[in-house]
N, C-alpha and C. Protein backbone atom coordinates (compact mmCIF):
# COMPACT_ATOMS: atom_id res chain seq x y z
N MET A 1 106.66 114.69 121.26
CA MET A 1 107.24 115.95 120.40
C MET A 1 106.35 116.17 118.72
N LYS A 2 105.80 115.01 118.29
CA LYS A 2 105.18 114.93 117.07
C LYS A 2 104.00 115.47 117.24
N HIS A 3 103.44 115.52 118.49
CA HIS A 3 102.03 115.93 118.65
C HIS A 3 102.14 117.11 118.84
N LEU A 4 103.22 117.76 119.44
CA LEU A 4 103.34 119.44 119.28
C LEU A 4 104.10 120.06 118.06
N LYS A 5 104.72 119.41 117.58
CA LYS A 5 104.71 119.93 116.20
C LYS A 5 103.40 119.84 115.64
N SER A 6 102.05 118.94 115.41
CA SER A 6 101.21 119.05 114.81
C SER A 6 100.15 120.12 115.45
N LEU A 7 100.39 120.48 116.30
CA LEU A 7 99.60 121.35 116.67
C LEU A 7 99.89 122.56 116.28
N LYS A 8 101.27 123.22 116.28
CA LYS A 8 102.07 123.93 116.18
C LYS A 8 100.93 124.27 114.70
N PHE A 9 101.38 123.36 114.10
CA PHE A 9 101.39 123.29 112.30
C PHE A 9 99.76 123.47 111.77
N ALA A 10 99.05 122.98 113.04
CA ALA A 10 97.08 123.23 112.61
C ALA A 10 96.88 124.96 113.41
N PHE A 11 98.07 125.61 114.67
CA PHE A 11 97.73 126.22 114.89
C PHE A 11 97.98 127.77 113.26
N PHE A 12 99.36 127.43 113.46
CA PHE A 12 99.86 128.64 111.96
C PHE A 12 98.61 128.35 110.67
N ALA A 13 98.12 127.05 110.37
CA ALA A 13 97.61 126.61 109.06
C ALA A 13 96.15 127.69 109.83
N ALA A 14 95.98 127.36 111.08
CA ALA A 14 94.44 128.43 110.93
C ALA A 14 94.40 129.81 111.63
N ILE A 15 95.68 130.36 111.41
CA ILE A 15 95.68 131.65 111.31
C ILE A 15 95.98 132.15 109.78
N ILE A 16 96.62 131.08 108.91
CA ILE A 16 96.88 131.73 107.71
C ILE A 16 95.20 131.78 106.80
N ILE A 17 94.47 130.83 107.11
CA ILE A 17 92.98 130.38 106.77
C ILE A 17 91.93 131.69 107.21
N VAL A 18 92.11 132.23 108.21
CA VAL A 18 91.47 133.26 109.49
C VAL A 18 91.69 134.51 108.19
N SER A 19 93.26 134.81 108.03
CA SER A 19 93.77 136.24 107.32
C SER A 19 92.63 135.97 106.16
N SER A 20 93.14 134.48 105.50
CA SER A 20 92.72 135.09 104.21
C SER A 20 91.12 135.05 103.96
N VAL A 21 90.20 134.54 105.19
CA VAL A 21 88.66 134.80 105.45
C VAL A 21 89.10 136.41 105.36
N THR A 22 89.47 136.86 106.38
CA THR A 22 88.88 137.92 106.26
C THR A 22 89.58 139.25 105.45
N SER A 23 90.77 138.93 104.62
CA SER A 23 91.12 139.51 103.58
C SER A 23 90.40 139.47 102.23
N CYS A 24 89.19 138.51 102.43
CA CYS A 24 88.43 138.48 101.29
C CYS A 24 87.23 139.04 101.61
N LYS A 25 86.75 138.99 103.32
CA LYS A 25 85.82 139.93 103.04
C LYS A 25 86.09 141.05 102.84
N LYS A 26 87.51 141.89 103.98
CA LYS A 26 87.34 143.08 103.15
C LYS A 26 87.33 143.65 101.81
N ASP A 27 88.02 142.63 100.74
CA ASP A 27 87.83 143.26 99.50
C ASP A 27 86.79 143.07 98.98
N ASP A 28 85.45 141.74 99.52
CA ASP A 28 84.39 142.13 99.31
C ASP A 28 83.56 143.68 99.67
N ASN A 29 84.12 144.42 100.64
CA ASN A 29 83.46 145.25 101.17
C ASN A 29 84.26 146.73 100.48
N ASP A 30 84.60 146.46 99.81
CA ASP A 30 85.50 147.78 99.57
C ASP A 30 85.21 148.31 97.84
N PRO A 31 84.36 149.91 97.97
CA PRO A 31 83.77 150.54 97.19
C PRO A 31 84.44 150.24 95.59
N GLU A 32 84.05 150.21 94.68
CA GLU A 32 83.75 150.17 93.55
C GLU A 32 84.63 151.41 93.23
N PRO A 33 85.33 151.18 92.24
CA PRO A 33 86.21 152.36 91.78
C PRO A 33 85.37 153.30 90.92
N ILE A 34 85.54 154.64 91.41
CA ILE A 34 84.73 155.22 90.16
C ILE A 34 85.33 155.60 89.16
N LYS A 35 84.34 155.41 88.09
CA LYS A 35 85.03 155.17 86.83
C LYS A 35 85.32 156.72 86.26
N GLU A 36 86.42 157.04 85.20
CA GLU A 36 86.79 158.46 84.61
C GLU A 36 85.95 158.66 83.42
N GLY A 37 86.14 160.15 83.16
CA GLY A 37 85.66 160.32 81.95
C GLY A 37 84.20 160.76 82.36
N ILE A 38 83.70 161.49 81.46
CA ILE A 38 82.37 161.40 81.25
C ILE A 38 80.86 161.02 81.19
N GLU A 39 80.32 160.93 82.26
CA GLU A 39 79.44 159.95 81.82
C GLU A 39 77.96 160.35 81.14
N ARG A 40 77.84 161.86 81.05
CA ARG A 40 76.39 162.59 80.24
C ARG A 40 76.97 163.87 79.51
N SER A 41 76.30 164.10 78.93
CA SER A 41 76.41 165.55 78.29
C SER A 41 75.57 166.30 77.75
N GLU A 42 75.04 167.35 77.32
CA GLU A 42 73.90 167.93 76.50
C GLU A 42 74.36 169.15 76.00
N LEU A 43 74.05 169.77 74.93
CA LEU A 43 74.22 170.45 74.04
C LEU A 43 72.74 171.55 74.22
N ILE A 44 72.21 172.91 74.46
CA ILE A 44 71.90 173.78 74.80
C ILE A 44 71.72 174.66 73.85
N LEU A 45 70.96 174.69 73.12
CA LEU A 45 70.58 175.90 72.02
C LEU A 45 69.43 177.19 71.89
N THR A 46 69.93 177.79 72.03
CA THR A 46 68.50 178.44 72.46
C THR A 46 69.16 180.10 71.29
N GLU A 47 67.77 180.38 70.38
CA GLU A 47 67.96 181.25 69.66
C GLU A 47 68.54 182.73 69.74
N VAL A 48 69.23 183.35 69.25
CA VAL A 48 69.97 185.11 69.94
C VAL A 48 69.49 185.79 68.67
N ASN A 49 69.48 187.06 68.46
CA ASN A 49 69.73 188.33 67.20
C ASN A 49 70.96 188.02 66.88
N GLY A 50 71.41 188.40 65.82
CA GLY A 50 72.82 188.92 65.22
C GLY A 50 72.95 188.77 63.78
N HIS A 51 73.72 188.99 63.52
CA HIS A 51 74.53 188.75 62.15
C HIS A 51 75.48 188.25 61.51
N ALA A 52 75.51 187.69 60.33
CA ALA A 52 76.42 186.60 59.73
C ALA A 52 77.54 187.32 58.61
N HIS A 53 78.52 187.49 59.27
CA HIS A 53 79.78 187.82 58.48
C HIS A 53 80.68 187.13 58.45
N GLY A 54 80.60 186.71 56.84
CA GLY A 54 81.94 185.92 56.82
C GLY A 54 82.49 184.69 58.18
N ASP A 55 83.50 184.45 58.40
CA ASP A 55 83.68 183.68 59.24
C ASP A 55 82.73 183.75 60.70
N HIS A 56 82.36 185.03 60.99
CA HIS A 56 81.95 185.56 62.64
C HIS A 56 80.28 185.92 62.25
N PHE A 57 80.14 186.62 63.84
CA PHE A 57 78.95 186.87 64.27
C PHE A 57 79.25 188.65 64.83
N HIS A 58 78.10 189.07 64.40
CA HIS A 58 78.35 190.96 64.90
C HIS A 58 77.07 190.73 65.59
N ASP A 59 76.89 192.01 66.67
CA ASP A 59 75.71 192.14 66.90
C ASP A 59 74.79 190.85 67.23
N LEU A 60 75.75 190.15 68.48
CA LEU A 60 74.56 188.67 69.07
C LEU A 60 74.37 189.73 70.51
N ALA A 61 73.15 189.22 70.25
CA ALA A 61 72.04 189.44 72.04
C ALA A 61 71.41 188.58 72.07
N ASP A 62 71.01 188.31 73.22
CA ASP A 62 70.38 186.97 74.04
C ASP A 62 68.52 188.56 73.07
N ILE A 63 67.97 186.99 73.47
CA ILE A 63 65.97 187.20 73.26
C ILE A 63 65.45 186.78 74.35
N PRO A 64 64.99 187.70 74.46
CA PRO A 64 63.87 187.63 75.80
C PRO A 64 63.09 186.58 75.94
N GLY A 65 62.54 185.70 76.57
CA GLY A 65 62.01 184.89 76.36
C GLY A 65 62.11 183.34 75.48
N ALA A 66 63.48 183.56 75.24
CA ALA A 66 63.86 182.86 73.72
C ALA A 66 64.22 181.12 74.59
N THR A 67 62.98 180.05 74.13
CA THR A 67 63.21 178.58 74.23
C THR A 67 63.92 177.89 74.32
N PRO A 68 65.03 178.01 75.34
CA PRO A 68 66.26 176.59 75.12
C PRO A 68 65.54 175.13 74.30
N ILE A 69 66.45 174.74 72.95
CA ILE A 69 66.50 173.30 73.09
C ILE A 69 67.06 172.73 73.37
N VAL A 70 66.66 171.23 74.69
CA VAL A 70 68.54 170.43 75.12
C VAL A 70 68.72 169.46 74.31
N ILE A 71 69.60 169.32 73.93
CA ILE A 71 69.65 167.63 73.02
C ILE A 71 70.38 167.14 74.24
N LYS A 72 70.33 165.87 74.51
CA LYS A 72 71.43 165.08 75.89
C LYS A 72 71.96 163.98 74.95
N PHE A 73 72.79 163.63 75.61
CA PHE A 73 73.72 162.16 74.54
C PHE A 73 73.99 161.47 75.94
N ASP A 74 74.09 160.16 76.28
CA ASP A 74 74.49 159.31 77.54
C ASP A 74 76.31 159.55 77.34
N GLU A 75 77.25 158.73 77.39
CA GLU A 75 78.79 158.59 77.61
C GLU A 75 78.88 157.96 76.46
N LYS A 76 78.59 157.67 75.44
CA LYS A 76 78.71 157.13 73.81
C LYS A 76 78.97 158.01 73.18
N GLY A 77 78.11 159.34 73.34
CA GLY A 77 77.59 160.53 72.44
C GLY A 77 76.56 160.51 71.74
N THR A 78 75.56 159.39 71.98
CA THR A 78 74.52 158.69 71.11
C THR A 78 73.50 159.82 72.09
N ALA A 79 72.82 160.86 71.33
CA ALA A 79 71.53 161.30 71.47
C ALA A 79 70.53 160.25 72.48
N THR A 80 70.17 161.03 73.67
CA THR A 80 69.10 160.01 74.05
C THR A 80 67.84 161.01 74.08
N ALA A 81 67.77 162.38 73.92
CA ALA A 81 66.73 163.57 73.92
C ALA A 81 67.15 164.44 72.99
N ASN A 82 66.00 164.69 71.80
CA ASN A 82 66.21 165.73 70.98
C ASN A 82 67.56 165.54 69.60
N GLY A 83 67.46 164.44 69.73
CA GLY A 83 68.52 164.07 68.83
C GLY A 83 68.47 164.77 67.12
N HIS A 84 67.05 165.10 66.78
CA HIS A 84 67.17 165.42 65.63
C HIS A 84 65.90 166.62 65.69
N LEU A 85 66.97 167.33 65.40
CA LEU A 85 66.40 169.40 65.74
C LEU A 85 65.80 169.40 64.11
N HIS A 86 64.62 170.49 64.29
CA HIS A 86 64.33 170.76 63.56
C HIS A 86 65.05 172.49 63.93
N LEU A 87 65.52 173.19 63.23
CA LEU A 87 66.25 174.44 62.99
C LEU A 87 65.56 175.32 62.08
N GLU A 88 65.56 177.10 62.53
CA GLU A 88 65.11 177.69 60.95
C GLU A 88 66.58 177.75 60.39
N ALA A 89 67.02 177.95 59.26
CA ALA A 89 68.39 177.45 58.41
C ALA A 89 68.67 179.37 58.45
N ASP A 90 68.13 180.29 58.84
CA ASP A 90 68.68 181.43 59.00
C ASP A 90 68.67 182.10 60.29
N ALA A 91 68.57 181.29 61.30
CA ALA A 91 68.97 181.64 62.49
C ALA A 91 69.95 181.71 63.31
N ILE A 92 69.71 182.26 64.46
CA ILE A 92 71.83 182.43 64.79
C ILE A 92 71.18 181.63 66.48
N TYR A 93 71.92 180.80 66.73
CA TYR A 93 71.92 179.97 68.01
C TYR A 93 73.12 179.69 68.36
N LYS A 94 72.77 180.07 70.04
CA LYS A 94 73.63 180.10 71.23
C LYS A 94 73.80 178.27 71.60
N ILE A 95 75.28 178.01 71.36
CA ILE A 95 75.38 176.23 72.03
C ILE A 95 76.10 176.46 73.37
N GLN A 96 75.35 176.23 74.07
CA GLN A 96 76.14 175.91 75.40
C GLN A 96 76.71 174.36 75.81
N LEU A 97 77.95 173.78 75.84
CA LEU A 97 78.00 172.45 76.36
C LEU A 97 77.78 172.40 77.53
N LYS A 98 77.50 171.26 78.18
CA LYS A 98 76.88 170.98 79.79
C LYS A 98 77.83 169.31 79.34
N THR A 99 78.96 169.13 80.66
CA THR A 99 78.86 167.85 80.44
C THR A 99 78.85 167.53 82.48
N TRP A 100 78.83 165.98 83.01
CA TRP A 100 79.10 165.86 83.99
C TRP A 100 80.00 164.41 84.12
N ASP A 101 80.90 164.07 85.45
CA ASP A 101 81.50 163.60 85.39
C ASP A 101 80.81 161.93 86.15
N TYR A 102 81.29 161.12 86.94
CA TYR A 102 80.39 159.66 86.87
C TYR A 102 80.19 160.02 88.34
N THR A 103 80.61 160.84 89.02
CA THR A 103 80.12 161.21 90.44
C THR A 103 78.58 162.45 91.12
N GLY A 104 78.90 162.64 89.22
CA GLY A 104 77.53 163.96 89.31
C GLY A 104 77.80 164.99 89.25
N LYS A 105 79.33 165.68 89.22
CA LYS A 105 79.77 166.60 88.86
C LYS A 105 79.64 167.48 87.43
N GLU A 106 79.47 168.68 87.39
CA GLU A 106 79.41 169.38 85.93
C GLU A 106 80.72 169.79 85.78
N VAL A 107 81.07 169.36 84.49
CA VAL A 107 82.31 169.50 84.81
C VAL A 107 83.07 170.00 83.19
N GLN A 108 82.14 170.83 82.16
CA GLN A 108 82.59 171.18 81.13
C GLN A 108 83.40 172.28 81.33
N ASN A 109 83.44 172.99 82.23
CA ASN A 109 84.63 174.31 83.09
C ASN A 109 85.70 173.88 82.98
N ASP A 110 85.90 172.65 83.27
CA ASP A 110 87.21 172.37 83.52
C ASP A 110 88.39 172.70 82.56
N TYR A 111 87.85 172.64 81.36
CA TYR A 111 88.40 172.45 79.87
C TYR A 111 89.02 173.91 80.01
N ILE A 112 88.24 175.09 80.21
CA ILE A 112 88.67 176.27 80.36
C ILE A 112 89.17 176.96 81.83
N ALA A 113 89.60 176.11 82.11
CA ALA A 113 90.03 176.68 83.74
C ALA A 113 90.80 177.96 83.85
N SER A 114 91.67 177.60 82.55
CA SER A 114 92.91 179.10 82.34
C SER A 114 93.60 178.63 81.11
N LYS A 115 94.04 179.99 81.12
CA LYS A 115 94.61 179.78 79.57
C LYS A 115 95.21 178.63 79.60
N ALA A 116 96.36 178.40 80.00
CA ALA A 116 96.66 177.46 80.30
C ALA A 116 96.48 175.83 79.61
N VAL A 117 95.34 175.67 80.05
CA VAL A 117 94.60 174.85 80.79
C VAL A 117 93.60 174.75 78.70
N ALA A 118 92.91 175.62 78.89
CA ALA A 118 92.01 175.72 77.55
C ALA A 118 92.99 175.78 76.21
N ASP A 119 94.51 176.23 76.06
CA ASP A 119 95.37 176.67 75.20
C ASP A 119 95.56 174.53 74.99
N ASN A 120 94.78 173.71 75.24
CA ASN A 120 94.87 171.97 75.00
C ASN A 120 93.35 172.01 74.53
N TYR A 121 92.75 172.89 74.40
CA TYR A 121 91.21 171.82 73.89
C TYR A 121 90.84 173.22 72.84
N LYS A 122 90.30 172.34 71.79
CA LYS A 122 89.17 173.45 70.60
C LYS A 122 87.86 172.40 70.12
N ALA A 123 87.04 173.23 70.34
CA ALA A 123 85.65 172.34 69.78
C ALA A 123 85.38 172.53 68.15
N PHE A 124 85.23 171.66 67.71
CA PHE A 124 84.97 171.42 65.91
C PHE A 124 83.35 171.29 66.19
N LEU A 125 82.87 171.65 65.17
CA LEU A 125 81.35 170.87 64.09
C LEU A 125 81.21 170.02 62.77
N VAL A 126 81.32 168.70 62.98
CA VAL A 126 82.07 168.12 61.70
C VAL A 126 80.98 167.84 60.85
N GLY A 127 80.70 166.94 59.66
CA GLY A 127 79.96 166.03 58.81
C GLY A 127 78.62 167.84 58.11
N GLY A 128 78.11 166.82 57.36
CA GLY A 128 76.65 167.72 56.80
C GLY A 128 77.19 167.90 55.51
N ASN A 129 78.78 168.02 55.31
CA ASN A 129 78.93 168.60 53.89
C ASN A 129 78.18 169.82 53.59
N LEU A 130 78.56 170.76 54.91
CA LEU A 130 78.05 172.34 54.70
C LEU A 130 78.95 173.05 53.71
N ILE A 131 77.80 174.06 53.64
CA ILE A 131 78.47 174.73 52.73
C ILE A 131 79.30 175.68 53.81
N LEU A 132 80.64 176.50 54.44
CA LEU A 132 80.47 177.77 54.85
C LEU A 132 80.35 178.78 54.72
N ASN A 133 80.25 180.13 55.65
CA ASN A 133 79.81 181.22 55.19
C ASN A 133 80.36 182.13 54.59
N GLN A 134 81.67 182.17 54.45
CA GLN A 134 82.82 182.45 54.22
C GLN A 134 83.14 182.46 52.92
N ASN A 135 82.58 180.95 52.06
CA ASN A 135 82.55 180.75 50.85
C ASN A 135 81.49 180.67 50.15
N THR A 136 80.66 182.06 50.19
CA THR A 136 79.20 181.84 49.88
C THR A 136 79.37 183.96 49.33
N GLN A 137 78.81 184.26 48.50
CA GLN A 137 78.74 185.95 48.26
C GLN A 137 77.67 185.92 48.80
N ASN A 138 76.47 185.97 49.37
CA ASN A 138 75.44 186.58 49.89
C ASN A 138 74.96 186.30 51.09
N GLU A 139 76.30 185.82 51.94
CA GLU A 139 75.93 185.64 53.55
C GLU A 139 74.85 184.73 54.12
N SER A 140 75.16 183.50 53.59
CA SER A 140 73.61 182.22 53.24
C SER A 140 74.06 180.94 53.78
N GLY A 141 75.81 181.18 54.12
CA GLY A 141 76.46 179.94 54.65
C GLY A 141 76.66 179.34 56.01
N ALA A 142 77.04 178.68 56.21
CA ALA A 142 76.93 178.12 57.68
C ALA A 142 78.05 178.97 58.75
N ILE A 143 78.11 179.10 59.70
CA ILE A 143 79.20 179.96 60.54
C ILE A 143 78.96 178.80 62.28
N PHE A 144 80.15 178.27 62.70
CA PHE A 144 80.07 177.78 63.60
C PHE A 144 81.06 178.64 64.28
N GLN A 145 80.84 179.59 65.70
CA GLN A 145 81.47 180.42 66.08
C GLN A 145 82.11 180.10 68.02
N PRO A 146 83.12 179.74 67.84
CA PRO A 146 83.23 179.33 69.84
C PRO A 146 83.94 181.21 70.39
N ARG A 147 83.11 181.25 71.43
CA ARG A 147 83.04 182.89 71.95
C ARG A 147 82.89 183.04 73.37
N GLU A 148 83.80 181.85 73.88
CA GLU A 148 83.80 182.70 75.48
C GLU A 148 84.92 183.86 75.30
N ALA A 149 84.02 184.61 76.60
CA ALA A 149 84.71 185.67 76.89
C ALA A 149 86.22 185.76 77.88
N THR A 150 85.47 184.74 78.51
CA THR A 150 86.66 184.79 79.94
C THR A 150 87.21 183.05 80.34
N TYR A 151 88.41 182.77 81.04
CA TYR A 151 88.22 181.48 81.40
C TYR A 151 88.11 181.16 82.75
N GLY A 152 87.53 180.28 83.35
CA GLY A 152 87.09 179.64 84.67
C GLY A 152 87.71 180.24 86.01
N ASP A 153 89.42 181.14 85.99
CA ASP A 153 89.57 182.09 86.54
C ASP A 153 89.71 183.20 86.60
N GLY A 154 88.18 183.60 85.82
CA GLY A 154 88.67 184.97 85.51
C GLY A 154 89.57 185.96 84.54
N THR A 155 90.35 185.98 83.69
CA THR A 155 91.32 186.68 82.95
C THR A 155 89.80 186.72 81.60
N ALA A 156 90.32 187.29 80.90
CA ALA A 156 89.46 187.11 79.52
C ALA A 156 90.27 186.41 78.46
N VAL A 157 89.56 186.10 77.61
CA VAL A 157 89.86 185.68 76.13
C VAL A 157 89.94 186.44 75.28
N SER A 158 91.13 186.16 75.27
CA SER A 158 91.68 187.62 74.37
C SER A 158 92.22 187.22 72.67
N GLY A 159 91.03 187.26 71.33
CA GLY A 159 91.32 186.60 70.39
C GLY A 159 91.07 185.47 69.87
N ALA A 160 90.84 185.12 68.35
CA ALA A 160 89.78 183.89 68.08
C ALA A 160 90.35 182.76 68.23
N ILE A 161 91.84 182.80 68.34
CA ILE A 161 92.04 181.96 67.88
C ILE A 161 92.25 181.08 69.87
N GLN A 162 92.38 182.06 70.75
CA GLN A 162 92.06 181.08 72.06
C GLN A 162 90.61 181.13 72.50
N THR A 163 89.41 181.25 72.04
CA THR A 163 88.50 180.66 72.04
C THR A 163 88.27 178.89 72.26
N THR A 164 87.76 178.28 72.93
CA THR A 164 87.69 177.01 72.75
C THR A 164 86.39 176.63 72.15
N GLY A 165 85.03 176.44 73.11
CA GLY A 165 83.69 176.26 72.01
C GLY A 165 82.74 175.64 73.16
N ILE A 166 83.27 175.90 74.31
CA ILE A 166 82.43 175.24 75.43
C ILE A 166 81.47 176.45 75.69
N LEU A 167 81.25 177.30 74.83
CA LEU A 167 80.31 178.43 74.20
C LEU A 167 80.05 179.19 73.23
N SER A 168 79.89 178.52 72.40
CA SER A 168 79.55 179.04 70.75
C SER A 168 78.40 179.43 70.43
N TYR A 169 78.35 179.98 68.74
CA TYR A 169 77.13 180.14 68.37
C TYR A 169 77.28 179.56 66.50
N PHE A 170 76.47 179.32 66.31
CA PHE A 170 75.99 178.71 65.20
C PHE A 170 74.34 179.61 64.16
N THR A 171 74.82 179.68 62.82
CA THR A 171 73.78 179.51 61.88
C THR A 171 74.24 178.20 61.23
N LEU A 172 73.14 177.78 60.62
CA LEU A 172 73.38 177.22 59.20
C LEU A 172 73.30 177.76 57.73
N GLY A 173 72.57 178.64 57.20
CA GLY A 173 72.45 179.34 56.42
C GLY A 173 71.21 178.98 55.21
N HIS A 174 70.46 179.31 54.78
CA HIS A 174 69.94 178.60 53.55
C HIS A 174 70.65 178.36 52.45
N GLU A 175 71.74 177.85 52.59
CA GLU A 175 72.79 177.09 51.52
C GLU A 175 72.74 175.87 51.63
N ASN A 176 71.97 175.53 53.17
CA ASN A 176 72.45 174.22 54.18
C ASN A 176 70.81 173.51 54.37
N GLU A 177 69.91 173.86 53.73
CA GLU A 177 68.48 174.18 53.98
C GLU A 177 68.58 172.15 53.97
N GLY A 178 67.67 171.49 55.04
CA GLY A 178 67.51 169.72 54.80
C GLY A 178 68.16 169.42 55.72
N GLU A 179 68.46 167.99 55.07
CA GLU A 179 68.52 167.04 56.49
C GLU A 179 70.24 167.50 56.62
N LYS A 180 70.55 167.45 57.61
CA LYS A 180 72.57 166.99 58.31
C LYS A 180 72.52 166.26 58.90
N GLU A 181 73.08 165.52 59.44
CA GLU A 181 74.01 164.46 60.53
C GLU A 181 75.23 165.10 60.77
N VAL A 182 75.70 165.62 62.06
CA VAL A 182 76.88 166.29 62.63
C VAL A 182 77.35 166.08 63.62
N SER A 183 78.31 166.05 64.13
CA SER A 183 79.41 166.08 65.47
C SER A 183 79.34 166.88 66.60
N TYR A 184 79.35 167.56 67.25
CA TYR A 184 80.36 168.42 68.13
C TYR A 184 80.90 167.37 68.64
N ILE A 185 82.43 168.29 68.64
CA ILE A 185 83.82 167.12 68.91
C ILE A 185 84.50 168.33 69.91
N LEU A 186 84.64 168.01 71.03
CA LEU A 186 85.60 168.44 71.60
C LEU A 186 86.93 168.13 71.75
N ARG A 187 88.18 168.59 71.21
CA ARG A 187 89.20 167.45 71.40
C ARG A 187 90.25 167.63 72.32
N LYS A 188 91.23 167.13 73.01
CA LYS A 188 92.04 167.75 73.53
C LYS A 188 93.81 167.84 72.29
N LEU A 189 94.13 168.99 72.19
CA LEU A 189 94.87 168.89 71.13
C LEU A 189 96.93 168.84 71.75
N ASN A 190 97.93 168.52 70.46
CA ASN A 190 98.66 168.69 71.02
C ASN A 190 99.34 169.64 71.70
N ASN A 191 100.60 169.67 71.99
CA ASN A 191 101.05 171.21 72.58
C ASN A 191 101.04 171.75 71.30
N GLY A 192 100.43 173.39 71.44
CA GLY A 192 101.18 174.32 70.11
C GLY A 192 100.12 173.94 68.78
N VAL A 193 99.35 173.26 68.91
CA VAL A 193 98.48 172.73 67.81
C VAL A 193 97.36 173.96 67.41
N LYS A 194 96.58 174.37 69.07
CA LYS A 194 95.56 175.65 68.62
C LYS A 194 95.67 176.64 67.91
N ALA A 195 97.48 176.70 68.18
CA ALA A 195 97.34 178.03 67.68
C ALA A 195 97.17 177.90 65.57
N THR A 196 97.25 177.10 65.68
CA THR A 196 97.11 177.10 64.37
C THR A 196 95.98 176.69 63.54
N ILE A 197 94.82 176.76 64.64
CA ILE A 197 93.45 176.84 64.36
C ILE A 197 92.67 177.69 63.84
N THR A 198 92.42 178.15 63.17
CA THR A 198 91.93 179.20 62.44
C THR A 198 90.28 179.57 62.36
N ARG A 199 89.33 180.62 62.74
CA ARG A 199 88.16 180.31 62.50
C ARG A 199 87.25 179.52 61.37
N GLY A 200 88.23 179.28 60.36
CA GLY A 200 87.19 178.72 58.91
C GLY A 200 87.42 177.02 59.39
N ASP A 201 88.11 176.76 60.73
CA ASP A 201 88.40 175.12 59.92
C ASP A 201 88.02 174.56 61.20
N TRP A 202 86.83 174.97 61.32
CA TRP A 202 85.96 173.95 62.51
C TRP A 202 85.32 172.80 61.70
N ASN A 203 84.74 172.79 60.46
CA ASN A 203 83.92 172.22 60.06
C ASN A 203 84.84 170.58 58.69
N HIS A 204 86.03 170.52 58.83
CA HIS A 204 86.61 169.64 58.34
C HIS A 204 86.42 168.26 58.38
N ASN A 205 86.37 166.88 57.89
CA ASN A 205 86.30 165.75 58.18
C ASN A 205 87.36 164.95 58.41
N ASP A 206 88.44 165.97 58.01
CA ASP A 206 89.51 165.01 58.46
C ASP A 206 89.96 165.94 59.55
N TYR A 207 89.46 166.27 60.32
CA TYR A 207 90.21 167.48 61.47
C TYR A 207 90.81 166.82 62.53
N ALA A 208 90.62 165.30 62.58
CA ALA A 208 92.03 164.19 63.60
C ALA A 208 93.41 164.61 63.11
N THR A 209 93.53 164.52 61.40
CA THR A 209 94.56 164.16 60.63
C THR A 209 95.00 165.72 60.95
N LYS A 210 94.44 166.48 60.93
CA LYS A 210 95.08 167.71 60.79
C LYS A 210 95.42 168.39 62.16
N PHE A 211 94.46 168.35 62.54
CA PHE A 211 94.77 169.06 64.31
C PHE A 211 94.84 168.26 65.50
N ALA A 212 96.57 166.97 65.56
CA ALA A 212 96.65 166.28 66.07
C ALA A 212 96.46 166.08 67.83
N GLY A 213 95.60 165.24 68.27
CA GLY A 213 95.66 165.17 69.70
C GLY A 213 94.33 163.72 69.79
N GLU A 214 94.00 163.87 70.89
CA GLU A 214 92.59 162.57 70.79
C GLU A 214 91.05 163.65 71.30
N ASP A 215 90.08 162.62 70.88
CA ASP A 215 88.91 163.64 71.32
C ASP A 215 88.14 163.32 72.74
N VAL A 216 87.79 163.98 73.45
CA VAL A 216 87.17 163.85 74.61
C VAL A 216 85.79 163.73 74.67
N LEU A 217 84.79 164.57 73.95
CA LEU A 217 83.76 163.87 73.08
C LEU A 217 83.65 164.20 71.84
N LYS A 218 82.72 162.97 71.67
CA LYS A 218 82.12 163.34 69.92
C LYS A 218 80.82 163.05 70.24
N LEU A 219 79.44 164.11 69.97
CA LEU A 219 77.98 164.05 70.16
C LEU A 219 76.86 164.11 69.25
N LYS A 220 76.75 162.57 68.23
CA LYS A 220 75.96 162.76 66.90
C LYS A 220 74.58 163.58 67.16
N PHE A 221 74.20 164.09 65.99
CA PHE A 221 73.17 164.62 66.04
C PHE A 221 72.26 164.90 64.92
N GLU A 222 71.26 165.20 64.54
CA GLU A 222 70.58 165.48 63.72
C GLU A 222 69.93 167.22 63.31
N ILE A 223 70.35 167.58 61.87
CA ILE A 223 69.37 168.75 62.21
C ILE A 223 68.68 168.76 60.52
N HIS A 224 67.72 168.99 60.71
CA HIS A 224 66.77 169.41 59.76
C HIS A 224 66.36 171.12 59.90
N ALA A 225 67.03 170.97 58.22
CA ALA A 225 66.92 173.10 58.65
C ALA A 225 65.83 173.14 57.28
N GLU A 226 65.13 174.28 57.83
CA GLU A 226 64.16 174.96 57.15
C GLU A 226 64.12 176.09 56.86
N GLY A 227 63.34 176.80 55.65
CA GLY A 227 63.28 178.19 55.62
C GLY A 227 63.23 179.19 57.24
N GLY A 228 63.38 180.69 56.57
CA GLY A 228 63.66 181.69 56.99
C GLY A 228 62.35 181.60 57.79
N HIS A 229 62.70 182.95 58.97
CA HIS A 229 61.16 183.28 59.42
C HIS A 229 61.85 184.46 60.27
N ASP A 230 60.78 185.41 60.36
CA ASP A 230 60.84 187.30 60.54
C ASP A 230 61.16 186.91 62.33
N HIS A 231 60.81 187.11 63.64
CA HIS A 231 60.91 187.48 64.53
C HIS A 231 59.92 188.37 64.60
């Protein structure tokens, strides 16, 4: 009887050991979970025609054959290519944001998929101790104007408050010639906050206090603004 009990014990112990080994092997073969968030980003700057007025632009139009400048960023928002730009101070640039998640999917349009989604997001361009155009008398200051025309579902973006900044337009102006360190920030805002942000609110260093929420992206780069030019 004792021998039989010993055999039963050995049998069940063997089952437990085999099960444990099998489980370990299965765990070892399980794929790693996909990391959430943004793996890399780009800001694409392309010079356009247009006129600065106060806190916005008029008559914006693409320039045929204009060569885009692509700033590339890693997952931490550190520039890996073209992190130091030389831009014409009086030129206007279209800025397009592109982002990719850890599966390689391009996801920047997810933030403006619909009005309901976009109401939670806004882009800022902070730093540089910039003189804003609306605070000059000679239209020679900086403007950063988010300017999407439609949401991802095809409905129209209506008014300055509803724009997000996945597509924006930017100029430094002669008042800001020299070296500038700036950050493009895409922020997820608390409910109702976006409706309080005006066109002139894009360059506050204390934006995080003024506009409650959390940063989705913070892309840091340098601009060397040079003298004007003729097309």
